[in-house]
Protein backbone atom coordinates (compact mmCIF):
# COMPACT_ATOMS: atom_id res chain seq x y z
CA UNK A 1 173.85 187.22 99.24
CA UNK A 2 175.73 184.33 97.61
CA UNK A 3 178.70 184.87 99.94
CA UNK A 4 176.37 184.86 102.94
CA UNK A 5 174.74 181.60 101.86
CA UNK A 6 178.14 180.01 101.28
CA UNK A 7 179.04 181.04 104.82
CA UNK A 8 175.98 179.14 106.07
CA UNK A 9 177.33 175.98 104.40
CA UNK A 10 180.73 176.61 106.02
CA UNK A 11 179.09 177.00 109.44
CA UNK A 12 177.11 173.78 108.97
CA UNK A 13 180.24 171.81 108.07
CA UNK A 14 182.13 173.23 111.05
CA UNK A 15 179.23 172.38 113.35
CA UNK A 16 179.17 168.78 112.13
CA UNK A 17 182.94 168.53 112.56
CA UNK A 18 182.76 169.80 116.14
CA UNK A 19 179.88 167.44 116.91
CA UNK A 20 182.15 164.50 116.14
CA UNK A 21 184.67 165.77 118.68
CA UNK A 22 182.00 166.38 121.32
CA UNK A 23 180.66 162.89 120.70
CA UNK A 24 184.20 161.61 121.23
CA UNK A 25 184.33 163.32 124.63
CA UNK A 26 180.98 161.85 125.71
CA UNK A 27 181.72 158.30 124.56
CA UNK A 28 185.12 158.62 126.22
CA UNK A 29 183.28 159.34 129.47
CA UNK A 30 181.49 156.03 129.11
CA UNK A 31 178.21 157.16 127.61
CA UNK A 32 176.50 154.70 125.28
CA UNK A 33 177.03 155.86 121.65
CA UNK A 34 173.35 155.15 120.90
CA UNK A 35 172.25 157.34 123.82
CA UNK A 36 174.56 160.11 122.60
CA UNK A 37 173.05 159.75 119.11
CA UNK A 38 169.51 159.83 120.50
CA UNK A 39 170.03 163.14 122.28
CA UNK A 40 171.74 164.62 119.24
CA UNK A 41 168.71 163.78 117.10
CA UNK A 42 166.07 164.59 119.71
CA UNK A 43 167.42 168.10 120.29
CA UNK A 44 167.69 168.55 116.53
CA UNK A 45 164.03 167.51 116.26
CA UNK A 46 163.01 170.39 118.54
CA UNK A 47 164.87 172.89 116.36
CA UNK A 48 163.38 171.75 113.06
CA UNK A 49 159.93 171.50 114.66
CA UNK A 50 160.14 175.19 115.59
CA UNK A 51 161.40 175.95 112.06
CA UNK A 52 158.40 174.15 110.59
CA UNK A 53 156.04 176.03 112.92
CA UNK A 54 157.52 179.34 111.78
CA UNK A 55 157.36 178.39 108.09
CA UNK A 56 154.46 175.95 107.65
CA UNK A 57 153.63 176.92 104.07
CA UNK A 58 154.11 174.15 101.52
CA UNK A 59 154.99 171.56 104.16
CA UNK A 60 153.37 168.72 102.21
CA UNK A 61 152.46 166.88 105.40
CA UNK A 62 149.31 165.56 103.74
CA UNK A 63 151.42 163.62 101.21
CA UNK A 64 151.92 159.91 101.88
CA UNK A 65 155.01 159.92 99.69
CA UNK A 66 156.54 162.65 101.83
CA UNK A 67 156.02 160.57 104.95
CA UNK A 68 157.37 157.40 103.34
CA UNK A 69 160.58 158.87 101.95
CA UNK A 70 161.11 161.05 105.03
CA UNK A 71 160.86 157.91 107.18
CA UNK A 72 163.49 156.27 104.99
CA UNK A 73 165.66 159.35 105.52
CA UNK A 74 165.03 159.00 109.27
CA UNK A 75 166.25 155.40 109.27
CA UNK A 76 169.33 156.58 107.41
CA UNK A 77 170.15 159.45 109.75
CA UNK A 78 169.56 157.21 112.80
CA UNK A 79 172.11 154.74 111.46
CA UNK A 80 174.45 157.55 110.47
CA UNK A 81 174.52 159.09 113.94
CA UNK A 82 174.69 155.80 115.86
CA UNK A 83 177.33 154.05 113.75
CA UNK A 84 179.40 157.25 113.65
CA UNK A 85 179.64 157.45 117.43
CA UNK A 86 180.21 153.69 117.74
CA UNK A 87 183.13 154.07 115.34
CA UNK A 88 184.47 156.97 117.40
CA UNK A 89 184.14 154.99 120.64
CA UNK A 90 185.92 151.96 119.16
CA UNK A 91 188.54 153.88 117.19
CA UNK A 92 189.10 157.59 116.75
CA UNK A 93 187.28 160.72 115.61
CA UNK A 94 189.58 161.15 112.60
CA UNK A 95 189.00 157.62 111.27
CA UNK A 96 185.24 157.69 111.91
CA UNK A 97 184.74 161.11 110.29
CA UNK A 98 186.78 160.20 107.22
CA UNK A 99 185.01 156.87 106.71
CA UNK A 100 181.64 158.62 106.99
CA UNK A 101 182.79 161.10 104.36
CA UNK A 102 182.90 158.16 101.92
CA UNK A 103 179.08 158.32 101.73
CA UNK A 104 179.02 159.75 98.16
CA UNK A 105 180.89 156.64 97.02
CA UNK A 106 178.08 154.46 98.37
CA UNK A 107 175.58 156.71 96.59
CA UNK A 108 177.34 156.07 93.29
CA UNK A 109 177.59 152.31 93.85
CA UNK A 110 173.87 152.08 94.68
CA UNK A 111 173.03 154.31 91.71
CA UNK A 112 175.07 152.04 89.42
CA UNK A 113 173.36 148.94 90.82
CA UNK A 114 169.85 150.40 90.40
CA UNK A 115 170.80 151.82 87.00
CA UNK A 116 169.98 155.35 88.17
CA UNK A 117 173.31 156.59 86.87
CA UNK A 118 175.74 155.41 84.21
CA UNK A 119 179.18 154.32 85.46
CA UNK A 120 182.23 155.90 83.88
CA UNK A 121 185.94 155.13 83.99
CA UNK A 122 186.53 158.28 86.07
CA UNK A 123 183.96 157.26 88.68
CA UNK A 124 185.26 153.70 88.98
CA UNK A 125 188.83 155.02 89.24
CA UNK A 126 187.73 157.43 91.98
CA UNK A 127 185.97 154.65 93.88
CA UNK A 128 189.13 152.50 93.64
CA UNK A 129 191.23 155.39 95.00
CA UNK A 130 188.84 155.82 97.93
CA UNK A 131 189.05 152.11 98.70
CA UNK A 132 192.87 152.38 98.71
CA UNK A 133 192.59 155.38 101.01
CA UNK A 134 190.40 153.39 103.40
CA UNK A 135 192.96 150.59 103.52
CA UNK A 136 195.77 153.06 104.33
CA UNK A 137 193.74 155.07 106.85
CA UNK A 138 192.45 152.11 108.81
CA UNK A 139 195.50 149.88 108.46
CA UNK A 140 193.05 147.05 107.85
CA UNK A 141 195.86 145.03 106.28
CA UNK A 142 197.42 144.87 109.78
CA UNK A 143 194.38 145.52 111.92
CA UNK A 144 195.70 143.88 115.08
CA UNK A 145 198.78 146.08 115.25
CA UNK A 146 197.09 149.48 115.47
CA UNK A 147 194.48 151.34 117.48
CA UNK A 148 191.76 150.90 114.84
CA UNK A 149 189.55 147.85 115.41
CA UNK A 150 187.38 145.99 112.94
CA UNK A 151 184.33 147.28 114.80
CA UNK A 152 185.54 150.86 114.33
CA UNK A 153 186.09 150.31 110.60
CA UNK A 154 182.80 148.48 110.09
CA UNK A 155 180.80 151.05 112.04
CA UNK A 156 182.47 153.93 110.19
CA UNK A 157 181.60 152.41 106.81
CA UNK A 158 178.04 151.65 107.96
CA UNK A 159 177.77 155.27 109.05
CA UNK A 160 178.62 156.33 105.51
CA UNK A 161 176.23 153.77 104.04
CA UNK A 162 173.45 155.00 106.35
CA UNK A 163 174.19 158.54 105.30
CA UNK A 164 173.80 157.47 101.68
CA UNK A 165 170.35 156.10 102.59
CA UNK A 166 169.51 159.46 104.17
CA UNK A 167 170.55 161.22 100.96
CA UNK A 168 168.29 159.00 98.86
CA UNK A 169 165.36 159.42 101.25
CA UNK A 170 165.75 163.18 101.40
CA UNK A 171 166.11 163.42 97.61
CA UNK A 172 162.89 161.53 96.87
CA UNK A 173 160.96 163.28 99.67
CA UNK A 174 161.97 166.77 98.51
CA UNK A 175 159.45 167.06 95.60
CA UNK A 176 156.57 166.34 97.99
CA UNK A 177 157.18 168.84 100.80
CA UNK A 178 159.41 171.37 102.50
CA UNK A 179 162.88 170.56 103.89
CA UNK A 180 161.77 171.39 107.42
CA UNK A 181 158.84 168.96 107.18
CA UNK A 182 161.15 166.23 105.89
CA UNK A 183 163.58 166.79 108.75
CA UNK A 184 160.82 166.84 111.37
CA UNK A 185 159.61 163.42 110.23
CA UNK A 186 163.15 162.07 109.83
CA UNK A 187 164.25 163.15 113.31
CA UNK A 188 161.02 161.83 114.84
CA UNK A 189 161.76 158.44 113.26
CA UNK A 190 165.35 158.65 114.51
CA UNK A 191 164.20 159.33 118.08
CA UNK A 192 161.67 156.48 117.97
CA UNK A 193 164.34 154.03 116.78
CA UNK A 194 167.21 155.04 119.02
CA UNK A 195 165.29 155.46 122.27
CA UNK A 196 164.46 151.77 122.10
CA UNK A 197 168.01 150.67 121.26
CA UNK A 198 169.96 152.72 123.79
CA UNK A 199 170.65 151.98 127.45
CA UNK A 200 167.44 153.04 129.27
CA UNK A 201 169.24 153.88 132.53
CA UNK A 202 171.76 156.08 130.74
CA UNK A 203 169.02 157.79 128.72
CA UNK A 204 167.35 158.85 131.95
CA UNK A 205 170.64 159.69 133.69
CA UNK A 206 171.56 162.29 131.05
CA UNK A 207 168.96 164.66 132.51
CA UNK A 208 170.83 164.78 135.83
CA UNK A 209 174.45 164.37 134.79
CA UNK A 210 177.02 167.20 134.99
CA UNK A 211 177.72 166.41 131.32
CA UNK A 212 174.27 167.54 130.17
CA UNK A 213 175.63 170.84 128.71
CA UNK A 214 177.76 168.78 126.31
CA UNK A 215 174.68 166.86 125.20
CA UNK A 216 172.90 170.16 124.61
CA UNK A 217 175.78 171.60 122.59
CA UNK A 218 176.01 168.37 120.59
CA UNK A 219 172.31 168.52 119.72
CA UNK A 220 172.33 172.22 118.88
CA UNK A 221 175.46 172.07 116.71
CA UNK A 222 175.20 168.53 115.38
CA UNK A 223 171.54 168.39 114.41
CA UNK A 224 169.77 171.66 115.19
CA UNK A 225 171.44 174.72 113.74
CA UNK A 226 173.69 172.76 111.37
CA UNK A 227 170.88 171.28 109.27
CA UNK A 228 169.09 174.61 109.11
CA UNK A 229 172.31 176.41 108.13
CA UNK A 230 173.05 173.86 105.42
CA UNK A 231 169.61 173.92 103.80
CA UNK A 232 169.49 177.72 103.81
CA UNK A 233 173.02 177.89 102.46
CA UNK A 234 172.35 175.51 99.58
CA UNK A 235 169.73 177.85 98.09
CA UNK A 236 172.41 180.00 96.47
CA UNK A 237 175.51 177.82 96.74
CA UNK A 238 176.60 175.75 93.75
CA UNK A 239 176.73 171.99 94.44
CA UNK A 240 180.41 171.89 93.46
CA UNK A 241 181.23 174.60 95.99
CA UNK A 242 179.18 172.86 98.68
CA UNK A 243 181.05 169.61 97.99
CA UNK A 244 184.41 171.28 98.57
CA UNK A 245 183.21 173.09 101.70
CA UNK A 246 181.86 169.80 103.08
CA UNK A 247 185.46 168.62 103.45
CA UNK A 248 185.68 170.95 106.45
CA UNK A 249 183.66 168.44 108.47
CA UNK A 250 186.16 165.55 108.60
CA UNK A 251 189.09 167.97 108.76
CA UNK A 252 187.56 169.82 111.73
CA UNK A 253 186.65 166.56 113.46
CA UNK A 254 190.17 165.18 112.92
CA UNK A 255 191.83 168.34 114.28
CA UNK A 256 189.53 168.22 117.31
CA UNK A 257 190.55 164.62 117.93
CA UNK A 258 194.26 165.44 117.70
CA UNK A 259 194.23 168.70 119.68
CA UNK A 260 191.56 168.02 122.33
CA UNK A 261 191.38 164.23 122.61
CA UNK A 262 195.12 163.63 122.13
CA UNK A 263 194.59 161.25 119.22
CA UNK A 264 197.37 160.60 116.74
CA UNK A 265 197.72 159.37 113.18
CA UNK A 266 200.69 157.73 111.47
CA UNK A 267 202.06 159.25 108.27
CA UNK A 268 200.50 156.47 106.16
CA UNK A 269 197.12 157.09 107.79
CA UNK A 270 197.35 160.82 107.08
CA UNK A 271 198.15 160.03 103.45
CA UNK A 272 195.14 157.70 103.26
CA UNK A 273 192.91 160.35 104.79
CA UNK A 274 194.09 162.93 102.29
CA UNK A 275 193.54 160.50 99.43
CA UNK A 276 189.94 159.91 100.52
CA UNK A 277 189.11 163.58 101.10
CA UNK A 278 190.58 164.81 97.81
CA UNK A 279 189.11 161.96 95.74
CA UNK A 280 185.60 162.17 97.19
CA UNK A 281 185.57 165.94 96.78
CA UNK A 282 186.77 165.66 93.16
CA UNK A 283 184.16 162.98 92.48
CA UNK A 284 181.37 165.14 93.90
CA UNK A 285 182.49 168.23 92.02
CA UNK A 286 182.90 166.31 88.74
CA UNK A 287 179.47 164.73 88.98
CA UNK A 288 177.67 167.78 90.38
CA UNK A 289 176.60 165.73 93.36
CA UNK A 290 175.33 167.63 96.39
CA UNK A 291 176.35 166.35 99.77
CA UNK A 292 172.96 166.78 101.32
CA UNK A 293 173.63 166.55 105.15
CA UNK A 294 173.84 166.15 107.43
CA UNK A 295 172.77 166.67 103.57
CA UNK A 296 174.63 166.34 104.53
């Protein structure tokens, strides 16, 4: 049973990695990143709504606190999806996915600021290593010379910051209701936010475009099955194991970008990426922090 649940976490991470690549294809075709994000979340909403209908017990939908914190999680996941695809459109899948993977670092910084967690030398050292990795990966010291723009870097970091907000919202909503109820509310908030921010003409055009199967696959893998897989898998998977497995997401996304989208990374960028992935994973394992994605 434990092996099966771990496999669910693996599948979720692979799905999220592939969704980054699919998003790269769609934005490369000229689709608005916000529109792409909207359909990813809207299709995910349908999946978790069915899940809630099948397992309504203990939903907690009568709790105001559930609605409040789930709405916060929805704002976070809306920003996470949108900024992620903006970063991909302005830069590359590999850079965007790796910057988003820095989310646990933002969680620690916010926790230190709010005095929810005590800082240690190890944690500060890990954060410093991640910052160095970001500098090497993005080439921000020579931003005009490479393919990575300031918009790509900023959006990637905001994606990670938004993901951190989602983690906090989900964490504080969890005691008041079921995971499926939280996700239903969160994705409903996401859809309400993004449908008003995206290009209206493109939003309508998706329903008739030859690319609609890609939108469907993106929604199913990137927000539908993946979240369900991850939550089921976490029931019997240790947080440390889940943290290591989560590294499959940026690795899968990066490989997709290189193999399918013909992206490339310099040796220094690859070193920076490795530094970020290894350090964030070690930090999560050391602190017993779950990457609740998406819990993420």
